[in-house]
Every structure is written in C-alpha cells, then in structure tokens.
Amino acid sequence: MKIVKQLAILLLLCFISEIISKLLPFTFPSGVIGMLLLLLLLLTKIIPVNAVEDVCTFLTKNLSLFFLPATVQIVEQFDVIKEHLLPIIIIIMVSTMLTFGVTALTVTLCMKAQNRIRGKKNAA
C-alpha cells in the first residue's frame, strides 16, 4: 500500500504540472514543471523524502525501460530515418560533445564558487 501511495503522489504532481503547462501563455514542458514542483515540495518539507523515496528509487533503477518505446519507434520508422542518417548522427555527436563541455564548465564554475564561499567562511 505504501508504494501505491507514493506513486499516487508522483502521479498527482504530474497531473498538476500538466494543468499548469496548459494554463501558461507559453509552451513549457510539463515534466520540468513537475520536477520543479517536486523539488519545491521536498525542500519545503511539505512532502517528506520518505513519502516518495521507494518509488523514485525503483523508477531510477529501471529507467532504461522508459527508453524502450522510443527505441522500438525508431526501428519501426527506420525507412524514413535512413535517408537522413548521416545528419542525424552528426547532430547527435555534436550535441553530445556540447552537453559534455557545458556540463564540465558548469561543474568547474560551481566548484570554484563553492571554494570561494568556503574560503570566506574560514577567513571569518
């Protein structure tokens, strides 16, 4: 019963984020809104971590299952895709490298900022 309650919390947040996404005057992914809502509720302790922890752990461990439908769709539509395979591969490679680079830069900047903050706390 605990798992059902945790799953119900996540599904309710997904439903609320869908409504918010539809009400916004601009397009914004409901998945991002849902994650932000969950983060906000966890940070404010309105929802304690243990209220969703088991389901989140299960979903994270089985994340690869969520990619199966997309993979099957790609295989089914390969006749359409094969005409544009080279540009698709190039786009995937470039965007992956850009993502790696931006992530590394962000981590580096965050580490430098944390070190500066620690340095100021130690000096005071």
N, C-alpha and C. Protein backbone atom coordinates (compact mmCIF):
# COMPACT_ATOMS: atom_id res chain seq x y z
N MET A 1 0.82 -1.20 0.00
CA MET A 1 0.00 0.00 0.00
C MET A 1 0.86 1.27 0.00
N LYS A 2 2.04 1.16 0.64
CA LYS A 2 2.96 2.30 0.71
C LYS A 2 3.40 2.73 -0.70
N ILE A 3 3.70 1.77 -1.55
CA ILE A 3 4.14 2.06 -2.91
C ILE A 3 3.03 2.74 -3.70
N VAL A 4 1.81 2.29 -3.53
CA VAL A 4 0.68 2.88 -4.24
C VAL A 4 0.50 4.34 -3.82
N LYS A 5 0.65 4.62 -2.52
CA LYS A 5 0.53 5.99 -2.02
C LYS A 5 1.63 6.87 -2.60
N GLN A 6 2.86 6.35 -2.65
CA GLN A 6 3.98 7.12 -3.20
C GLN A 6 3.78 7.37 -4.69
N LEU A 7 3.32 6.37 -5.39
CA LEU A 7 3.06 6.52 -6.82
C LEU A 7 1.93 7.51 -7.06
N ALA A 8 0.92 7.49 -6.20
CA ALA A 8 -0.19 8.43 -6.33
C ALA A 8 0.29 9.87 -6.16
N ILE A 9 1.22 10.10 -5.24
CA ILE A 9 1.78 11.44 -5.05
C ILE A 9 2.46 11.91 -6.32
N LEU A 10 3.29 11.06 -6.91
CA LEU A 10 4.00 11.43 -8.14
C LEU A 10 3.03 11.66 -9.30
N LEU A 11 2.03 10.80 -9.41
CA LEU A 11 1.06 10.95 -10.49
C LEU A 11 0.22 12.22 -10.32
N LEU A 12 -0.11 12.57 -9.07
CA LEU A 12 -0.83 13.80 -8.81
C LEU A 12 0.02 15.02 -9.21
N LEU A 13 1.31 14.97 -8.89
CA LEU A 13 2.20 16.05 -9.30
C LEU A 13 2.29 16.15 -10.82
N CYS A 14 2.32 15.02 -11.49
CA CYS A 14 2.34 15.02 -12.96
C CYS A 14 1.06 15.64 -13.52
N PHE A 15 -0.06 15.29 -12.93
CA PHE A 15 -1.35 15.83 -13.37
C PHE A 15 -1.40 17.34 -13.15
N ILE A 16 -0.96 17.79 -11.99
CA ILE A 16 -0.95 19.22 -11.69
C ILE A 16 -0.01 19.96 -12.64
N SER A 17 1.14 19.37 -12.92
CA SER A 17 2.08 20.03 -13.84
C SER A 17 1.53 20.10 -15.26
N GLU A 18 0.74 19.11 -15.67
CA GLU A 18 0.08 19.16 -16.98
C GLU A 18 -0.90 20.33 -17.04
N ILE A 19 -1.65 20.51 -15.97
CA ILE A 19 -2.62 21.60 -15.92
C ILE A 19 -1.89 22.95 -15.97
N ILE A 20 -0.83 23.08 -15.17
CA ILE A 20 -0.05 24.32 -15.17
C ILE A 20 0.52 24.60 -16.55
N SER A 21 1.04 23.57 -17.20
CA SER A 21 1.62 23.72 -18.54
C SER A 21 0.59 24.21 -19.54
N LYS A 22 -0.63 23.70 -19.45
CA LYS A 22 -1.70 24.12 -20.37
C LYS A 22 -2.15 25.55 -20.09
N LEU A 23 -2.09 25.98 -18.83
CA LEU A 23 -2.54 27.32 -18.46
C LEU A 23 -1.53 28.41 -18.78
N LEU A 24 -0.27 28.04 -18.92
CA LEU A 24 0.77 29.03 -19.21
C LEU A 24 0.56 29.62 -20.60
N PRO A 25 0.85 30.92 -20.76
CA PRO A 25 0.66 31.54 -22.08
C PRO A 25 1.78 31.19 -23.07
N PHE A 26 2.77 30.43 -22.63
CA PHE A 26 3.87 30.00 -23.49
C PHE A 26 4.07 28.50 -23.27
N THR A 27 4.75 27.86 -24.20
CA THR A 27 4.99 26.43 -24.06
C THR A 27 6.12 26.18 -23.08
N PHE A 28 5.87 25.26 -22.18
CA PHE A 28 6.86 24.86 -21.19
C PHE A 28 6.57 23.41 -20.86
N PRO A 29 7.59 22.55 -20.87
CA PRO A 29 7.36 21.11 -20.66
C PRO A 29 6.78 20.82 -19.27
N SER A 30 5.71 20.05 -19.27
CA SER A 30 5.07 19.70 -18.00
C SER A 30 5.98 18.84 -17.14
N GLY A 31 6.86 18.06 -17.76
CA GLY A 31 7.80 17.24 -16.99
C GLY A 31 8.74 18.08 -16.15
N VAL A 32 9.19 19.18 -16.73
CA VAL A 32 10.08 20.11 -15.99
C VAL A 32 9.30 20.77 -14.86
N ILE A 33 8.07 21.17 -15.15
CA ILE A 33 7.23 21.78 -14.11
C ILE A 33 7.02 20.79 -12.97
N GLY A 34 6.76 19.54 -13.32
CA GLY A 34 6.56 18.51 -12.30
C GLY A 34 7.79 18.31 -11.43
N MET A 35 8.97 18.28 -12.06
CA MET A 35 10.21 18.13 -11.29
C MET A 35 10.45 19.33 -10.38
N LEU A 36 10.15 20.52 -10.90
CA LEU A 36 10.31 21.73 -10.07
C LEU A 36 9.33 21.73 -8.90
N LEU A 37 8.09 21.30 -9.17
CA LEU A 37 7.11 21.19 -8.08
C LEU A 37 7.57 20.21 -7.02
N LEU A 38 8.05 19.05 -7.46
CA LEU A 38 8.53 18.04 -6.51
C LEU A 38 9.71 18.58 -5.72
N LEU A 39 10.64 19.24 -6.38
CA LEU A 39 11.78 19.83 -5.69
C LEU A 39 11.32 20.85 -4.65
N LEU A 40 10.41 21.72 -5.04
CA LEU A 40 9.90 22.73 -4.13
C LEU A 40 9.22 22.09 -2.91
N LEU A 41 8.40 21.09 -3.17
CA LEU A 41 7.70 20.41 -2.08
C LEU A 41 8.65 19.65 -1.16
N LEU A 42 9.71 19.09 -1.73
CA LEU A 42 10.71 18.38 -0.91
C LEU A 42 11.54 19.37 -0.09
N LEU A 43 11.93 20.50 -0.71
CA LEU A 43 12.75 21.49 0.00
C LEU A 43 11.98 22.14 1.14
N THR A 44 10.69 22.37 0.91
CA THR A 44 9.88 22.99 1.97
C THR A 44 9.36 21.96 2.96
N LYS A 45 9.69 20.70 2.72
CA LYS A 45 9.29 19.57 3.58
C LYS A 45 7.77 19.40 3.67
N ILE A 46 7.05 19.95 2.68
CA ILE A 46 5.62 19.68 2.59
C ILE A 46 5.43 18.20 2.30
N ILE A 47 6.29 17.68 1.42
CA ILE A 47 6.35 16.23 1.18
C ILE A 47 7.70 15.77 1.71
N PRO A 48 7.71 14.90 2.72
CA PRO A 48 8.99 14.38 3.21
C PRO A 48 9.61 13.43 2.19
N VAL A 49 10.91 13.32 2.21
CA VAL A 49 11.63 12.48 1.25
C VAL A 49 11.11 11.04 1.29
N ASN A 50 10.88 10.53 2.50
CA ASN A 50 10.45 9.12 2.60
C ASN A 50 9.04 8.89 2.04
N ALA A 51 8.31 9.97 1.70
CA ALA A 51 6.97 9.83 1.12
C ALA A 51 7.03 9.42 -0.36
N VAL A 52 8.18 9.58 -1.00
CA VAL A 52 8.31 9.21 -2.42
C VAL A 52 9.59 8.42 -2.70
N GLU A 53 10.38 8.17 -1.69
CA GLU A 53 11.71 7.59 -1.87
C GLU A 53 11.70 6.22 -2.53
N ASP A 54 10.84 5.32 -2.09
CA ASP A 54 10.84 3.96 -2.64
C ASP A 54 10.49 3.93 -4.12
N VAL A 55 9.45 4.66 -4.49
CA VAL A 55 9.03 4.68 -5.90
C VAL A 55 10.10 5.35 -6.75
N CYS A 56 10.68 6.44 -6.26
CA CYS A 56 11.72 7.14 -7.02
C CYS A 56 12.94 6.25 -7.22
N THR A 57 13.31 5.51 -6.19
CA THR A 57 14.45 4.58 -6.31
C THR A 57 14.14 3.51 -7.35
N PHE A 58 12.94 2.96 -7.30
CA PHE A 58 12.55 1.94 -8.27
C PHE A 58 12.59 2.50 -9.69
N LEU A 59 12.00 3.68 -9.89
CA LEU A 59 11.97 4.28 -11.22
C LEU A 59 13.36 4.60 -11.74
N THR A 60 14.23 5.06 -10.86
CA THR A 60 15.60 5.37 -11.26
C THR A 60 16.36 4.11 -11.66
N LYS A 61 16.18 3.05 -10.88
CA LYS A 61 16.88 1.79 -11.19
C LYS A 61 16.39 1.17 -12.49
N ASN A 62 15.14 1.44 -12.86
CA ASN A 62 14.56 0.84 -14.06
C ASN A 62 14.33 1.86 -15.16
N LEU A 63 15.14 2.89 -15.17
CA LEU A 63 14.99 3.99 -16.13
C LEU A 63 15.11 3.52 -17.58
N SER A 64 15.92 2.51 -17.81
CA SER A 64 16.11 2.04 -19.19
C SER A 64 14.81 1.55 -19.81
N LEU A 65 13.87 1.09 -19.01
CA LEU A 65 12.59 0.62 -19.55
C LEU A 65 11.81 1.74 -20.24
N PHE A 66 12.02 2.97 -19.79
CA PHE A 66 11.29 4.09 -20.38
C PHE A 66 11.80 4.44 -21.78
N PHE A 67 12.98 3.96 -22.14
CA PHE A 67 13.54 4.23 -23.45
C PHE A 67 13.14 3.18 -24.49
N LEU A 68 12.57 2.07 -24.04
CA LEU A 68 12.17 1.02 -24.97
C LEU A 68 11.15 1.48 -26.02
N PRO A 69 10.08 2.16 -25.65
CA PRO A 69 9.13 2.59 -26.68
C PRO A 69 9.77 3.49 -27.74
N ALA A 70 10.63 4.39 -27.33
CA ALA A 70 11.30 5.28 -28.29
C ALA A 70 12.19 4.47 -29.22
N THR A 71 12.89 3.50 -28.68
CA THR A 71 13.78 2.66 -29.49
C THR A 71 12.98 1.84 -30.49
N VAL A 72 11.88 1.28 -30.05
CA VAL A 72 11.02 0.49 -30.95
C VAL A 72 10.48 1.38 -32.07
N GLN A 73 10.10 2.61 -31.73
CA GLN A 73 9.58 3.54 -32.74
C GLN A 73 10.66 3.89 -33.77
N ILE A 74 11.89 4.08 -33.31
CA ILE A 74 12.99 4.37 -34.24
C ILE A 74 13.19 3.20 -35.19
N VAL A 75 13.17 1.98 -34.67
CA VAL A 75 13.34 0.79 -35.52
C VAL A 75 12.20 0.68 -36.52
N GLU A 76 10.98 0.96 -36.06
CA GLU A 76 9.83 0.87 -36.97
C GLU A 76 9.88 1.94 -38.06
N GLN A 77 10.43 3.10 -37.77
CA GLN A 77 10.48 4.20 -38.73
C GLN A 77 11.83 4.31 -39.43
N PHE A 78 12.63 3.26 -39.39
CA PHE A 78 13.98 3.33 -39.95
C PHE A 78 13.98 3.66 -41.44
N ASP A 79 12.97 3.22 -42.17
CA ASP A 79 12.91 3.54 -43.61
C ASP A 79 12.90 5.04 -43.84
N VAL A 80 12.20 5.78 -42.99
CA VAL A 80 12.14 7.24 -43.12
C VAL A 80 13.46 7.86 -42.64
N ILE A 81 14.01 7.29 -41.58
CA ILE A 81 15.21 7.85 -40.95
C ILE A 81 16.47 7.61 -41.78
N LYS A 82 16.56 6.48 -42.47
CA LYS A 82 17.81 6.12 -43.15
C LYS A 82 18.24 7.14 -44.21
N GLU A 83 17.28 7.88 -44.77
CA GLU A 83 17.62 8.91 -45.75
C GLU A 83 18.42 10.04 -45.11
N HIS A 84 18.21 10.27 -43.84
CA HIS A 84 18.84 11.39 -43.13
C HIS A 84 19.77 10.90 -42.03
N LEU A 85 20.28 9.69 -42.16
CA LEU A 85 21.07 9.07 -41.09
C LEU A 85 22.35 9.84 -40.77
N LEU A 86 23.10 10.25 -41.79
CA LEU A 86 24.35 10.96 -41.55
C LEU A 86 24.14 12.28 -40.80
N PRO A 87 23.20 13.13 -41.25
CA PRO A 87 22.97 14.36 -40.48
C PRO A 87 22.51 14.09 -39.05
N ILE A 88 21.69 13.07 -38.86
CA ILE A 88 21.22 12.72 -37.52
C ILE A 88 22.39 12.31 -36.64
N ILE A 89 23.29 11.48 -37.16
CA ILE A 89 24.46 11.04 -36.39
C ILE A 89 25.36 12.22 -36.05
N ILE A 90 25.56 13.11 -37.02
CA ILE A 90 26.40 14.30 -36.77
C ILE A 90 25.76 15.18 -35.69
N ILE A 91 24.46 15.40 -35.78
CA ILE A 91 23.76 16.21 -34.78
C ILE A 91 23.87 15.57 -33.40
N ILE A 92 23.70 14.26 -33.32
CA ILE A 92 23.81 13.56 -32.04
C ILE A 92 25.21 13.72 -31.46
N MET A 93 26.23 13.54 -32.30
CA MET A 93 27.61 13.64 -31.81
C MET A 93 27.94 15.05 -31.35
N VAL A 94 27.57 16.05 -32.15
CA VAL A 94 27.87 17.45 -31.79
C VAL A 94 27.12 17.85 -30.52
N SER A 95 25.85 17.51 -30.45
CA SER A 95 25.08 17.89 -29.26
C SER A 95 25.57 17.17 -28.01
N THR A 96 26.02 15.93 -28.16
CA THR A 96 26.60 15.20 -27.02
C THR A 96 27.87 15.87 -26.54
N MET A 97 28.75 16.23 -27.47
CA MET A 97 30.00 16.90 -27.09
C MET A 97 29.72 18.26 -26.44
N LEU A 98 28.77 19.02 -27.00
CA LEU A 98 28.40 20.30 -26.40
C LEU A 98 27.85 20.11 -24.99
N THR A 99 27.03 19.09 -24.81
CA THR A 99 26.48 18.80 -23.49
C THR A 99 27.58 18.46 -22.51
N PHE A 100 28.52 17.60 -22.93
CA PHE A 100 29.66 17.27 -22.07
C PHE A 100 30.45 18.52 -21.70
N GLY A 101 30.73 19.36 -22.69
CA GLY A 101 31.51 20.57 -22.46
C GLY A 101 30.83 21.54 -21.51
N VAL A 102 29.54 21.79 -21.75
CA VAL A 102 28.79 22.71 -20.90
C VAL A 102 28.67 22.15 -19.48
N THR A 103 28.46 20.84 -19.36
CA THR A 103 28.38 20.22 -18.04
C THR A 103 29.71 20.35 -17.31
N ALA A 104 30.81 20.09 -17.98
CA ALA A 104 32.13 20.21 -17.35
C ALA A 104 32.39 21.65 -16.92
N LEU A 105 32.05 22.60 -17.77
CA LEU A 105 32.23 24.01 -17.44
C LEU A 105 31.37 24.40 -16.23
N THR A 106 30.13 23.95 -16.21
CA THR A 106 29.23 24.25 -15.10
C THR A 106 29.75 23.66 -13.79
N VAL A 107 30.20 22.42 -13.83
CA VAL A 107 30.75 21.79 -12.63
C VAL A 107 31.99 22.55 -12.15
N THR A 108 32.85 22.92 -13.07
CA THR A 108 34.06 23.67 -12.71
C THR A 108 33.70 25.00 -12.06
N LEU A 109 32.77 25.73 -12.66
CA LEU A 109 32.36 27.02 -12.10
C LEU A 109 31.71 26.85 -10.73
N CYS A 110 30.88 25.82 -10.57
CA CYS A 110 30.25 25.57 -9.27
C CYS A 110 31.28 25.21 -8.22
N MET A 111 32.28 24.42 -8.58
CA MET A 111 33.34 24.05 -7.62
C MET A 111 34.15 25.28 -7.21
N LYS A 112 34.45 26.15 -8.17
CA LYS A 112 35.18 27.38 -7.84
C LYS A 112 34.36 28.27 -6.92
N ALA A 113 33.07 28.38 -7.20
CA ALA A 113 32.19 29.20 -6.36
C ALA A 113 32.11 28.62 -4.95
N GLN A 114 32.01 27.30 -4.84
CA GLN A 114 31.97 26.66 -3.52
C GLN A 114 33.27 26.88 -2.76
N ASN A 115 34.39 26.78 -3.46
CA ASN A 115 35.68 27.01 -2.81
C ASN A 115 35.80 28.45 -2.31
N ARG A 116 35.31 29.42 -3.11
CA ARG A 116 35.34 30.82 -2.67
C ARG A 116 34.47 31.02 -1.44
N ILE A 117 33.30 30.40 -1.44
CA ILE A 117 32.39 30.53 -0.29
C ILE A 117 33.03 29.91 0.95
N ARG A 118 33.63 28.74 0.79
CA ARG A 118 34.30 28.08 1.92
C ARG A 118 35.46 28.94 2.43
N GLY A 119 36.20 29.55 1.48
CA GLY A 119 37.33 30.40 1.86
C GLY A 119 36.89 31.60 2.67
N LYS A 120 35.74 32.19 2.29
CA LYS A 120 35.23 33.35 3.03
C LYS A 120 34.76 32.94 4.42
N LYS A 121 34.14 31.74 4.52
CA LYS A 121 33.67 31.27 5.83
C LYS A 121 34.84 30.96 6.75
N ASN A 122 35.92 30.38 6.19
CA ASN A 122 37.09 30.05 7.00
C ASN A 122 37.85 31.29 7.43
N ALA A 123 37.83 32.36 6.60
CA ALA A 123 38.53 33.58 6.91
C ALA A 123 37.79 34.38 8.00
N ALA A 124 36.49 34.19 8.09
CA ALA A 124 35.69 34.96 9.06
C ALA A 124 35.72 34.38 10.44
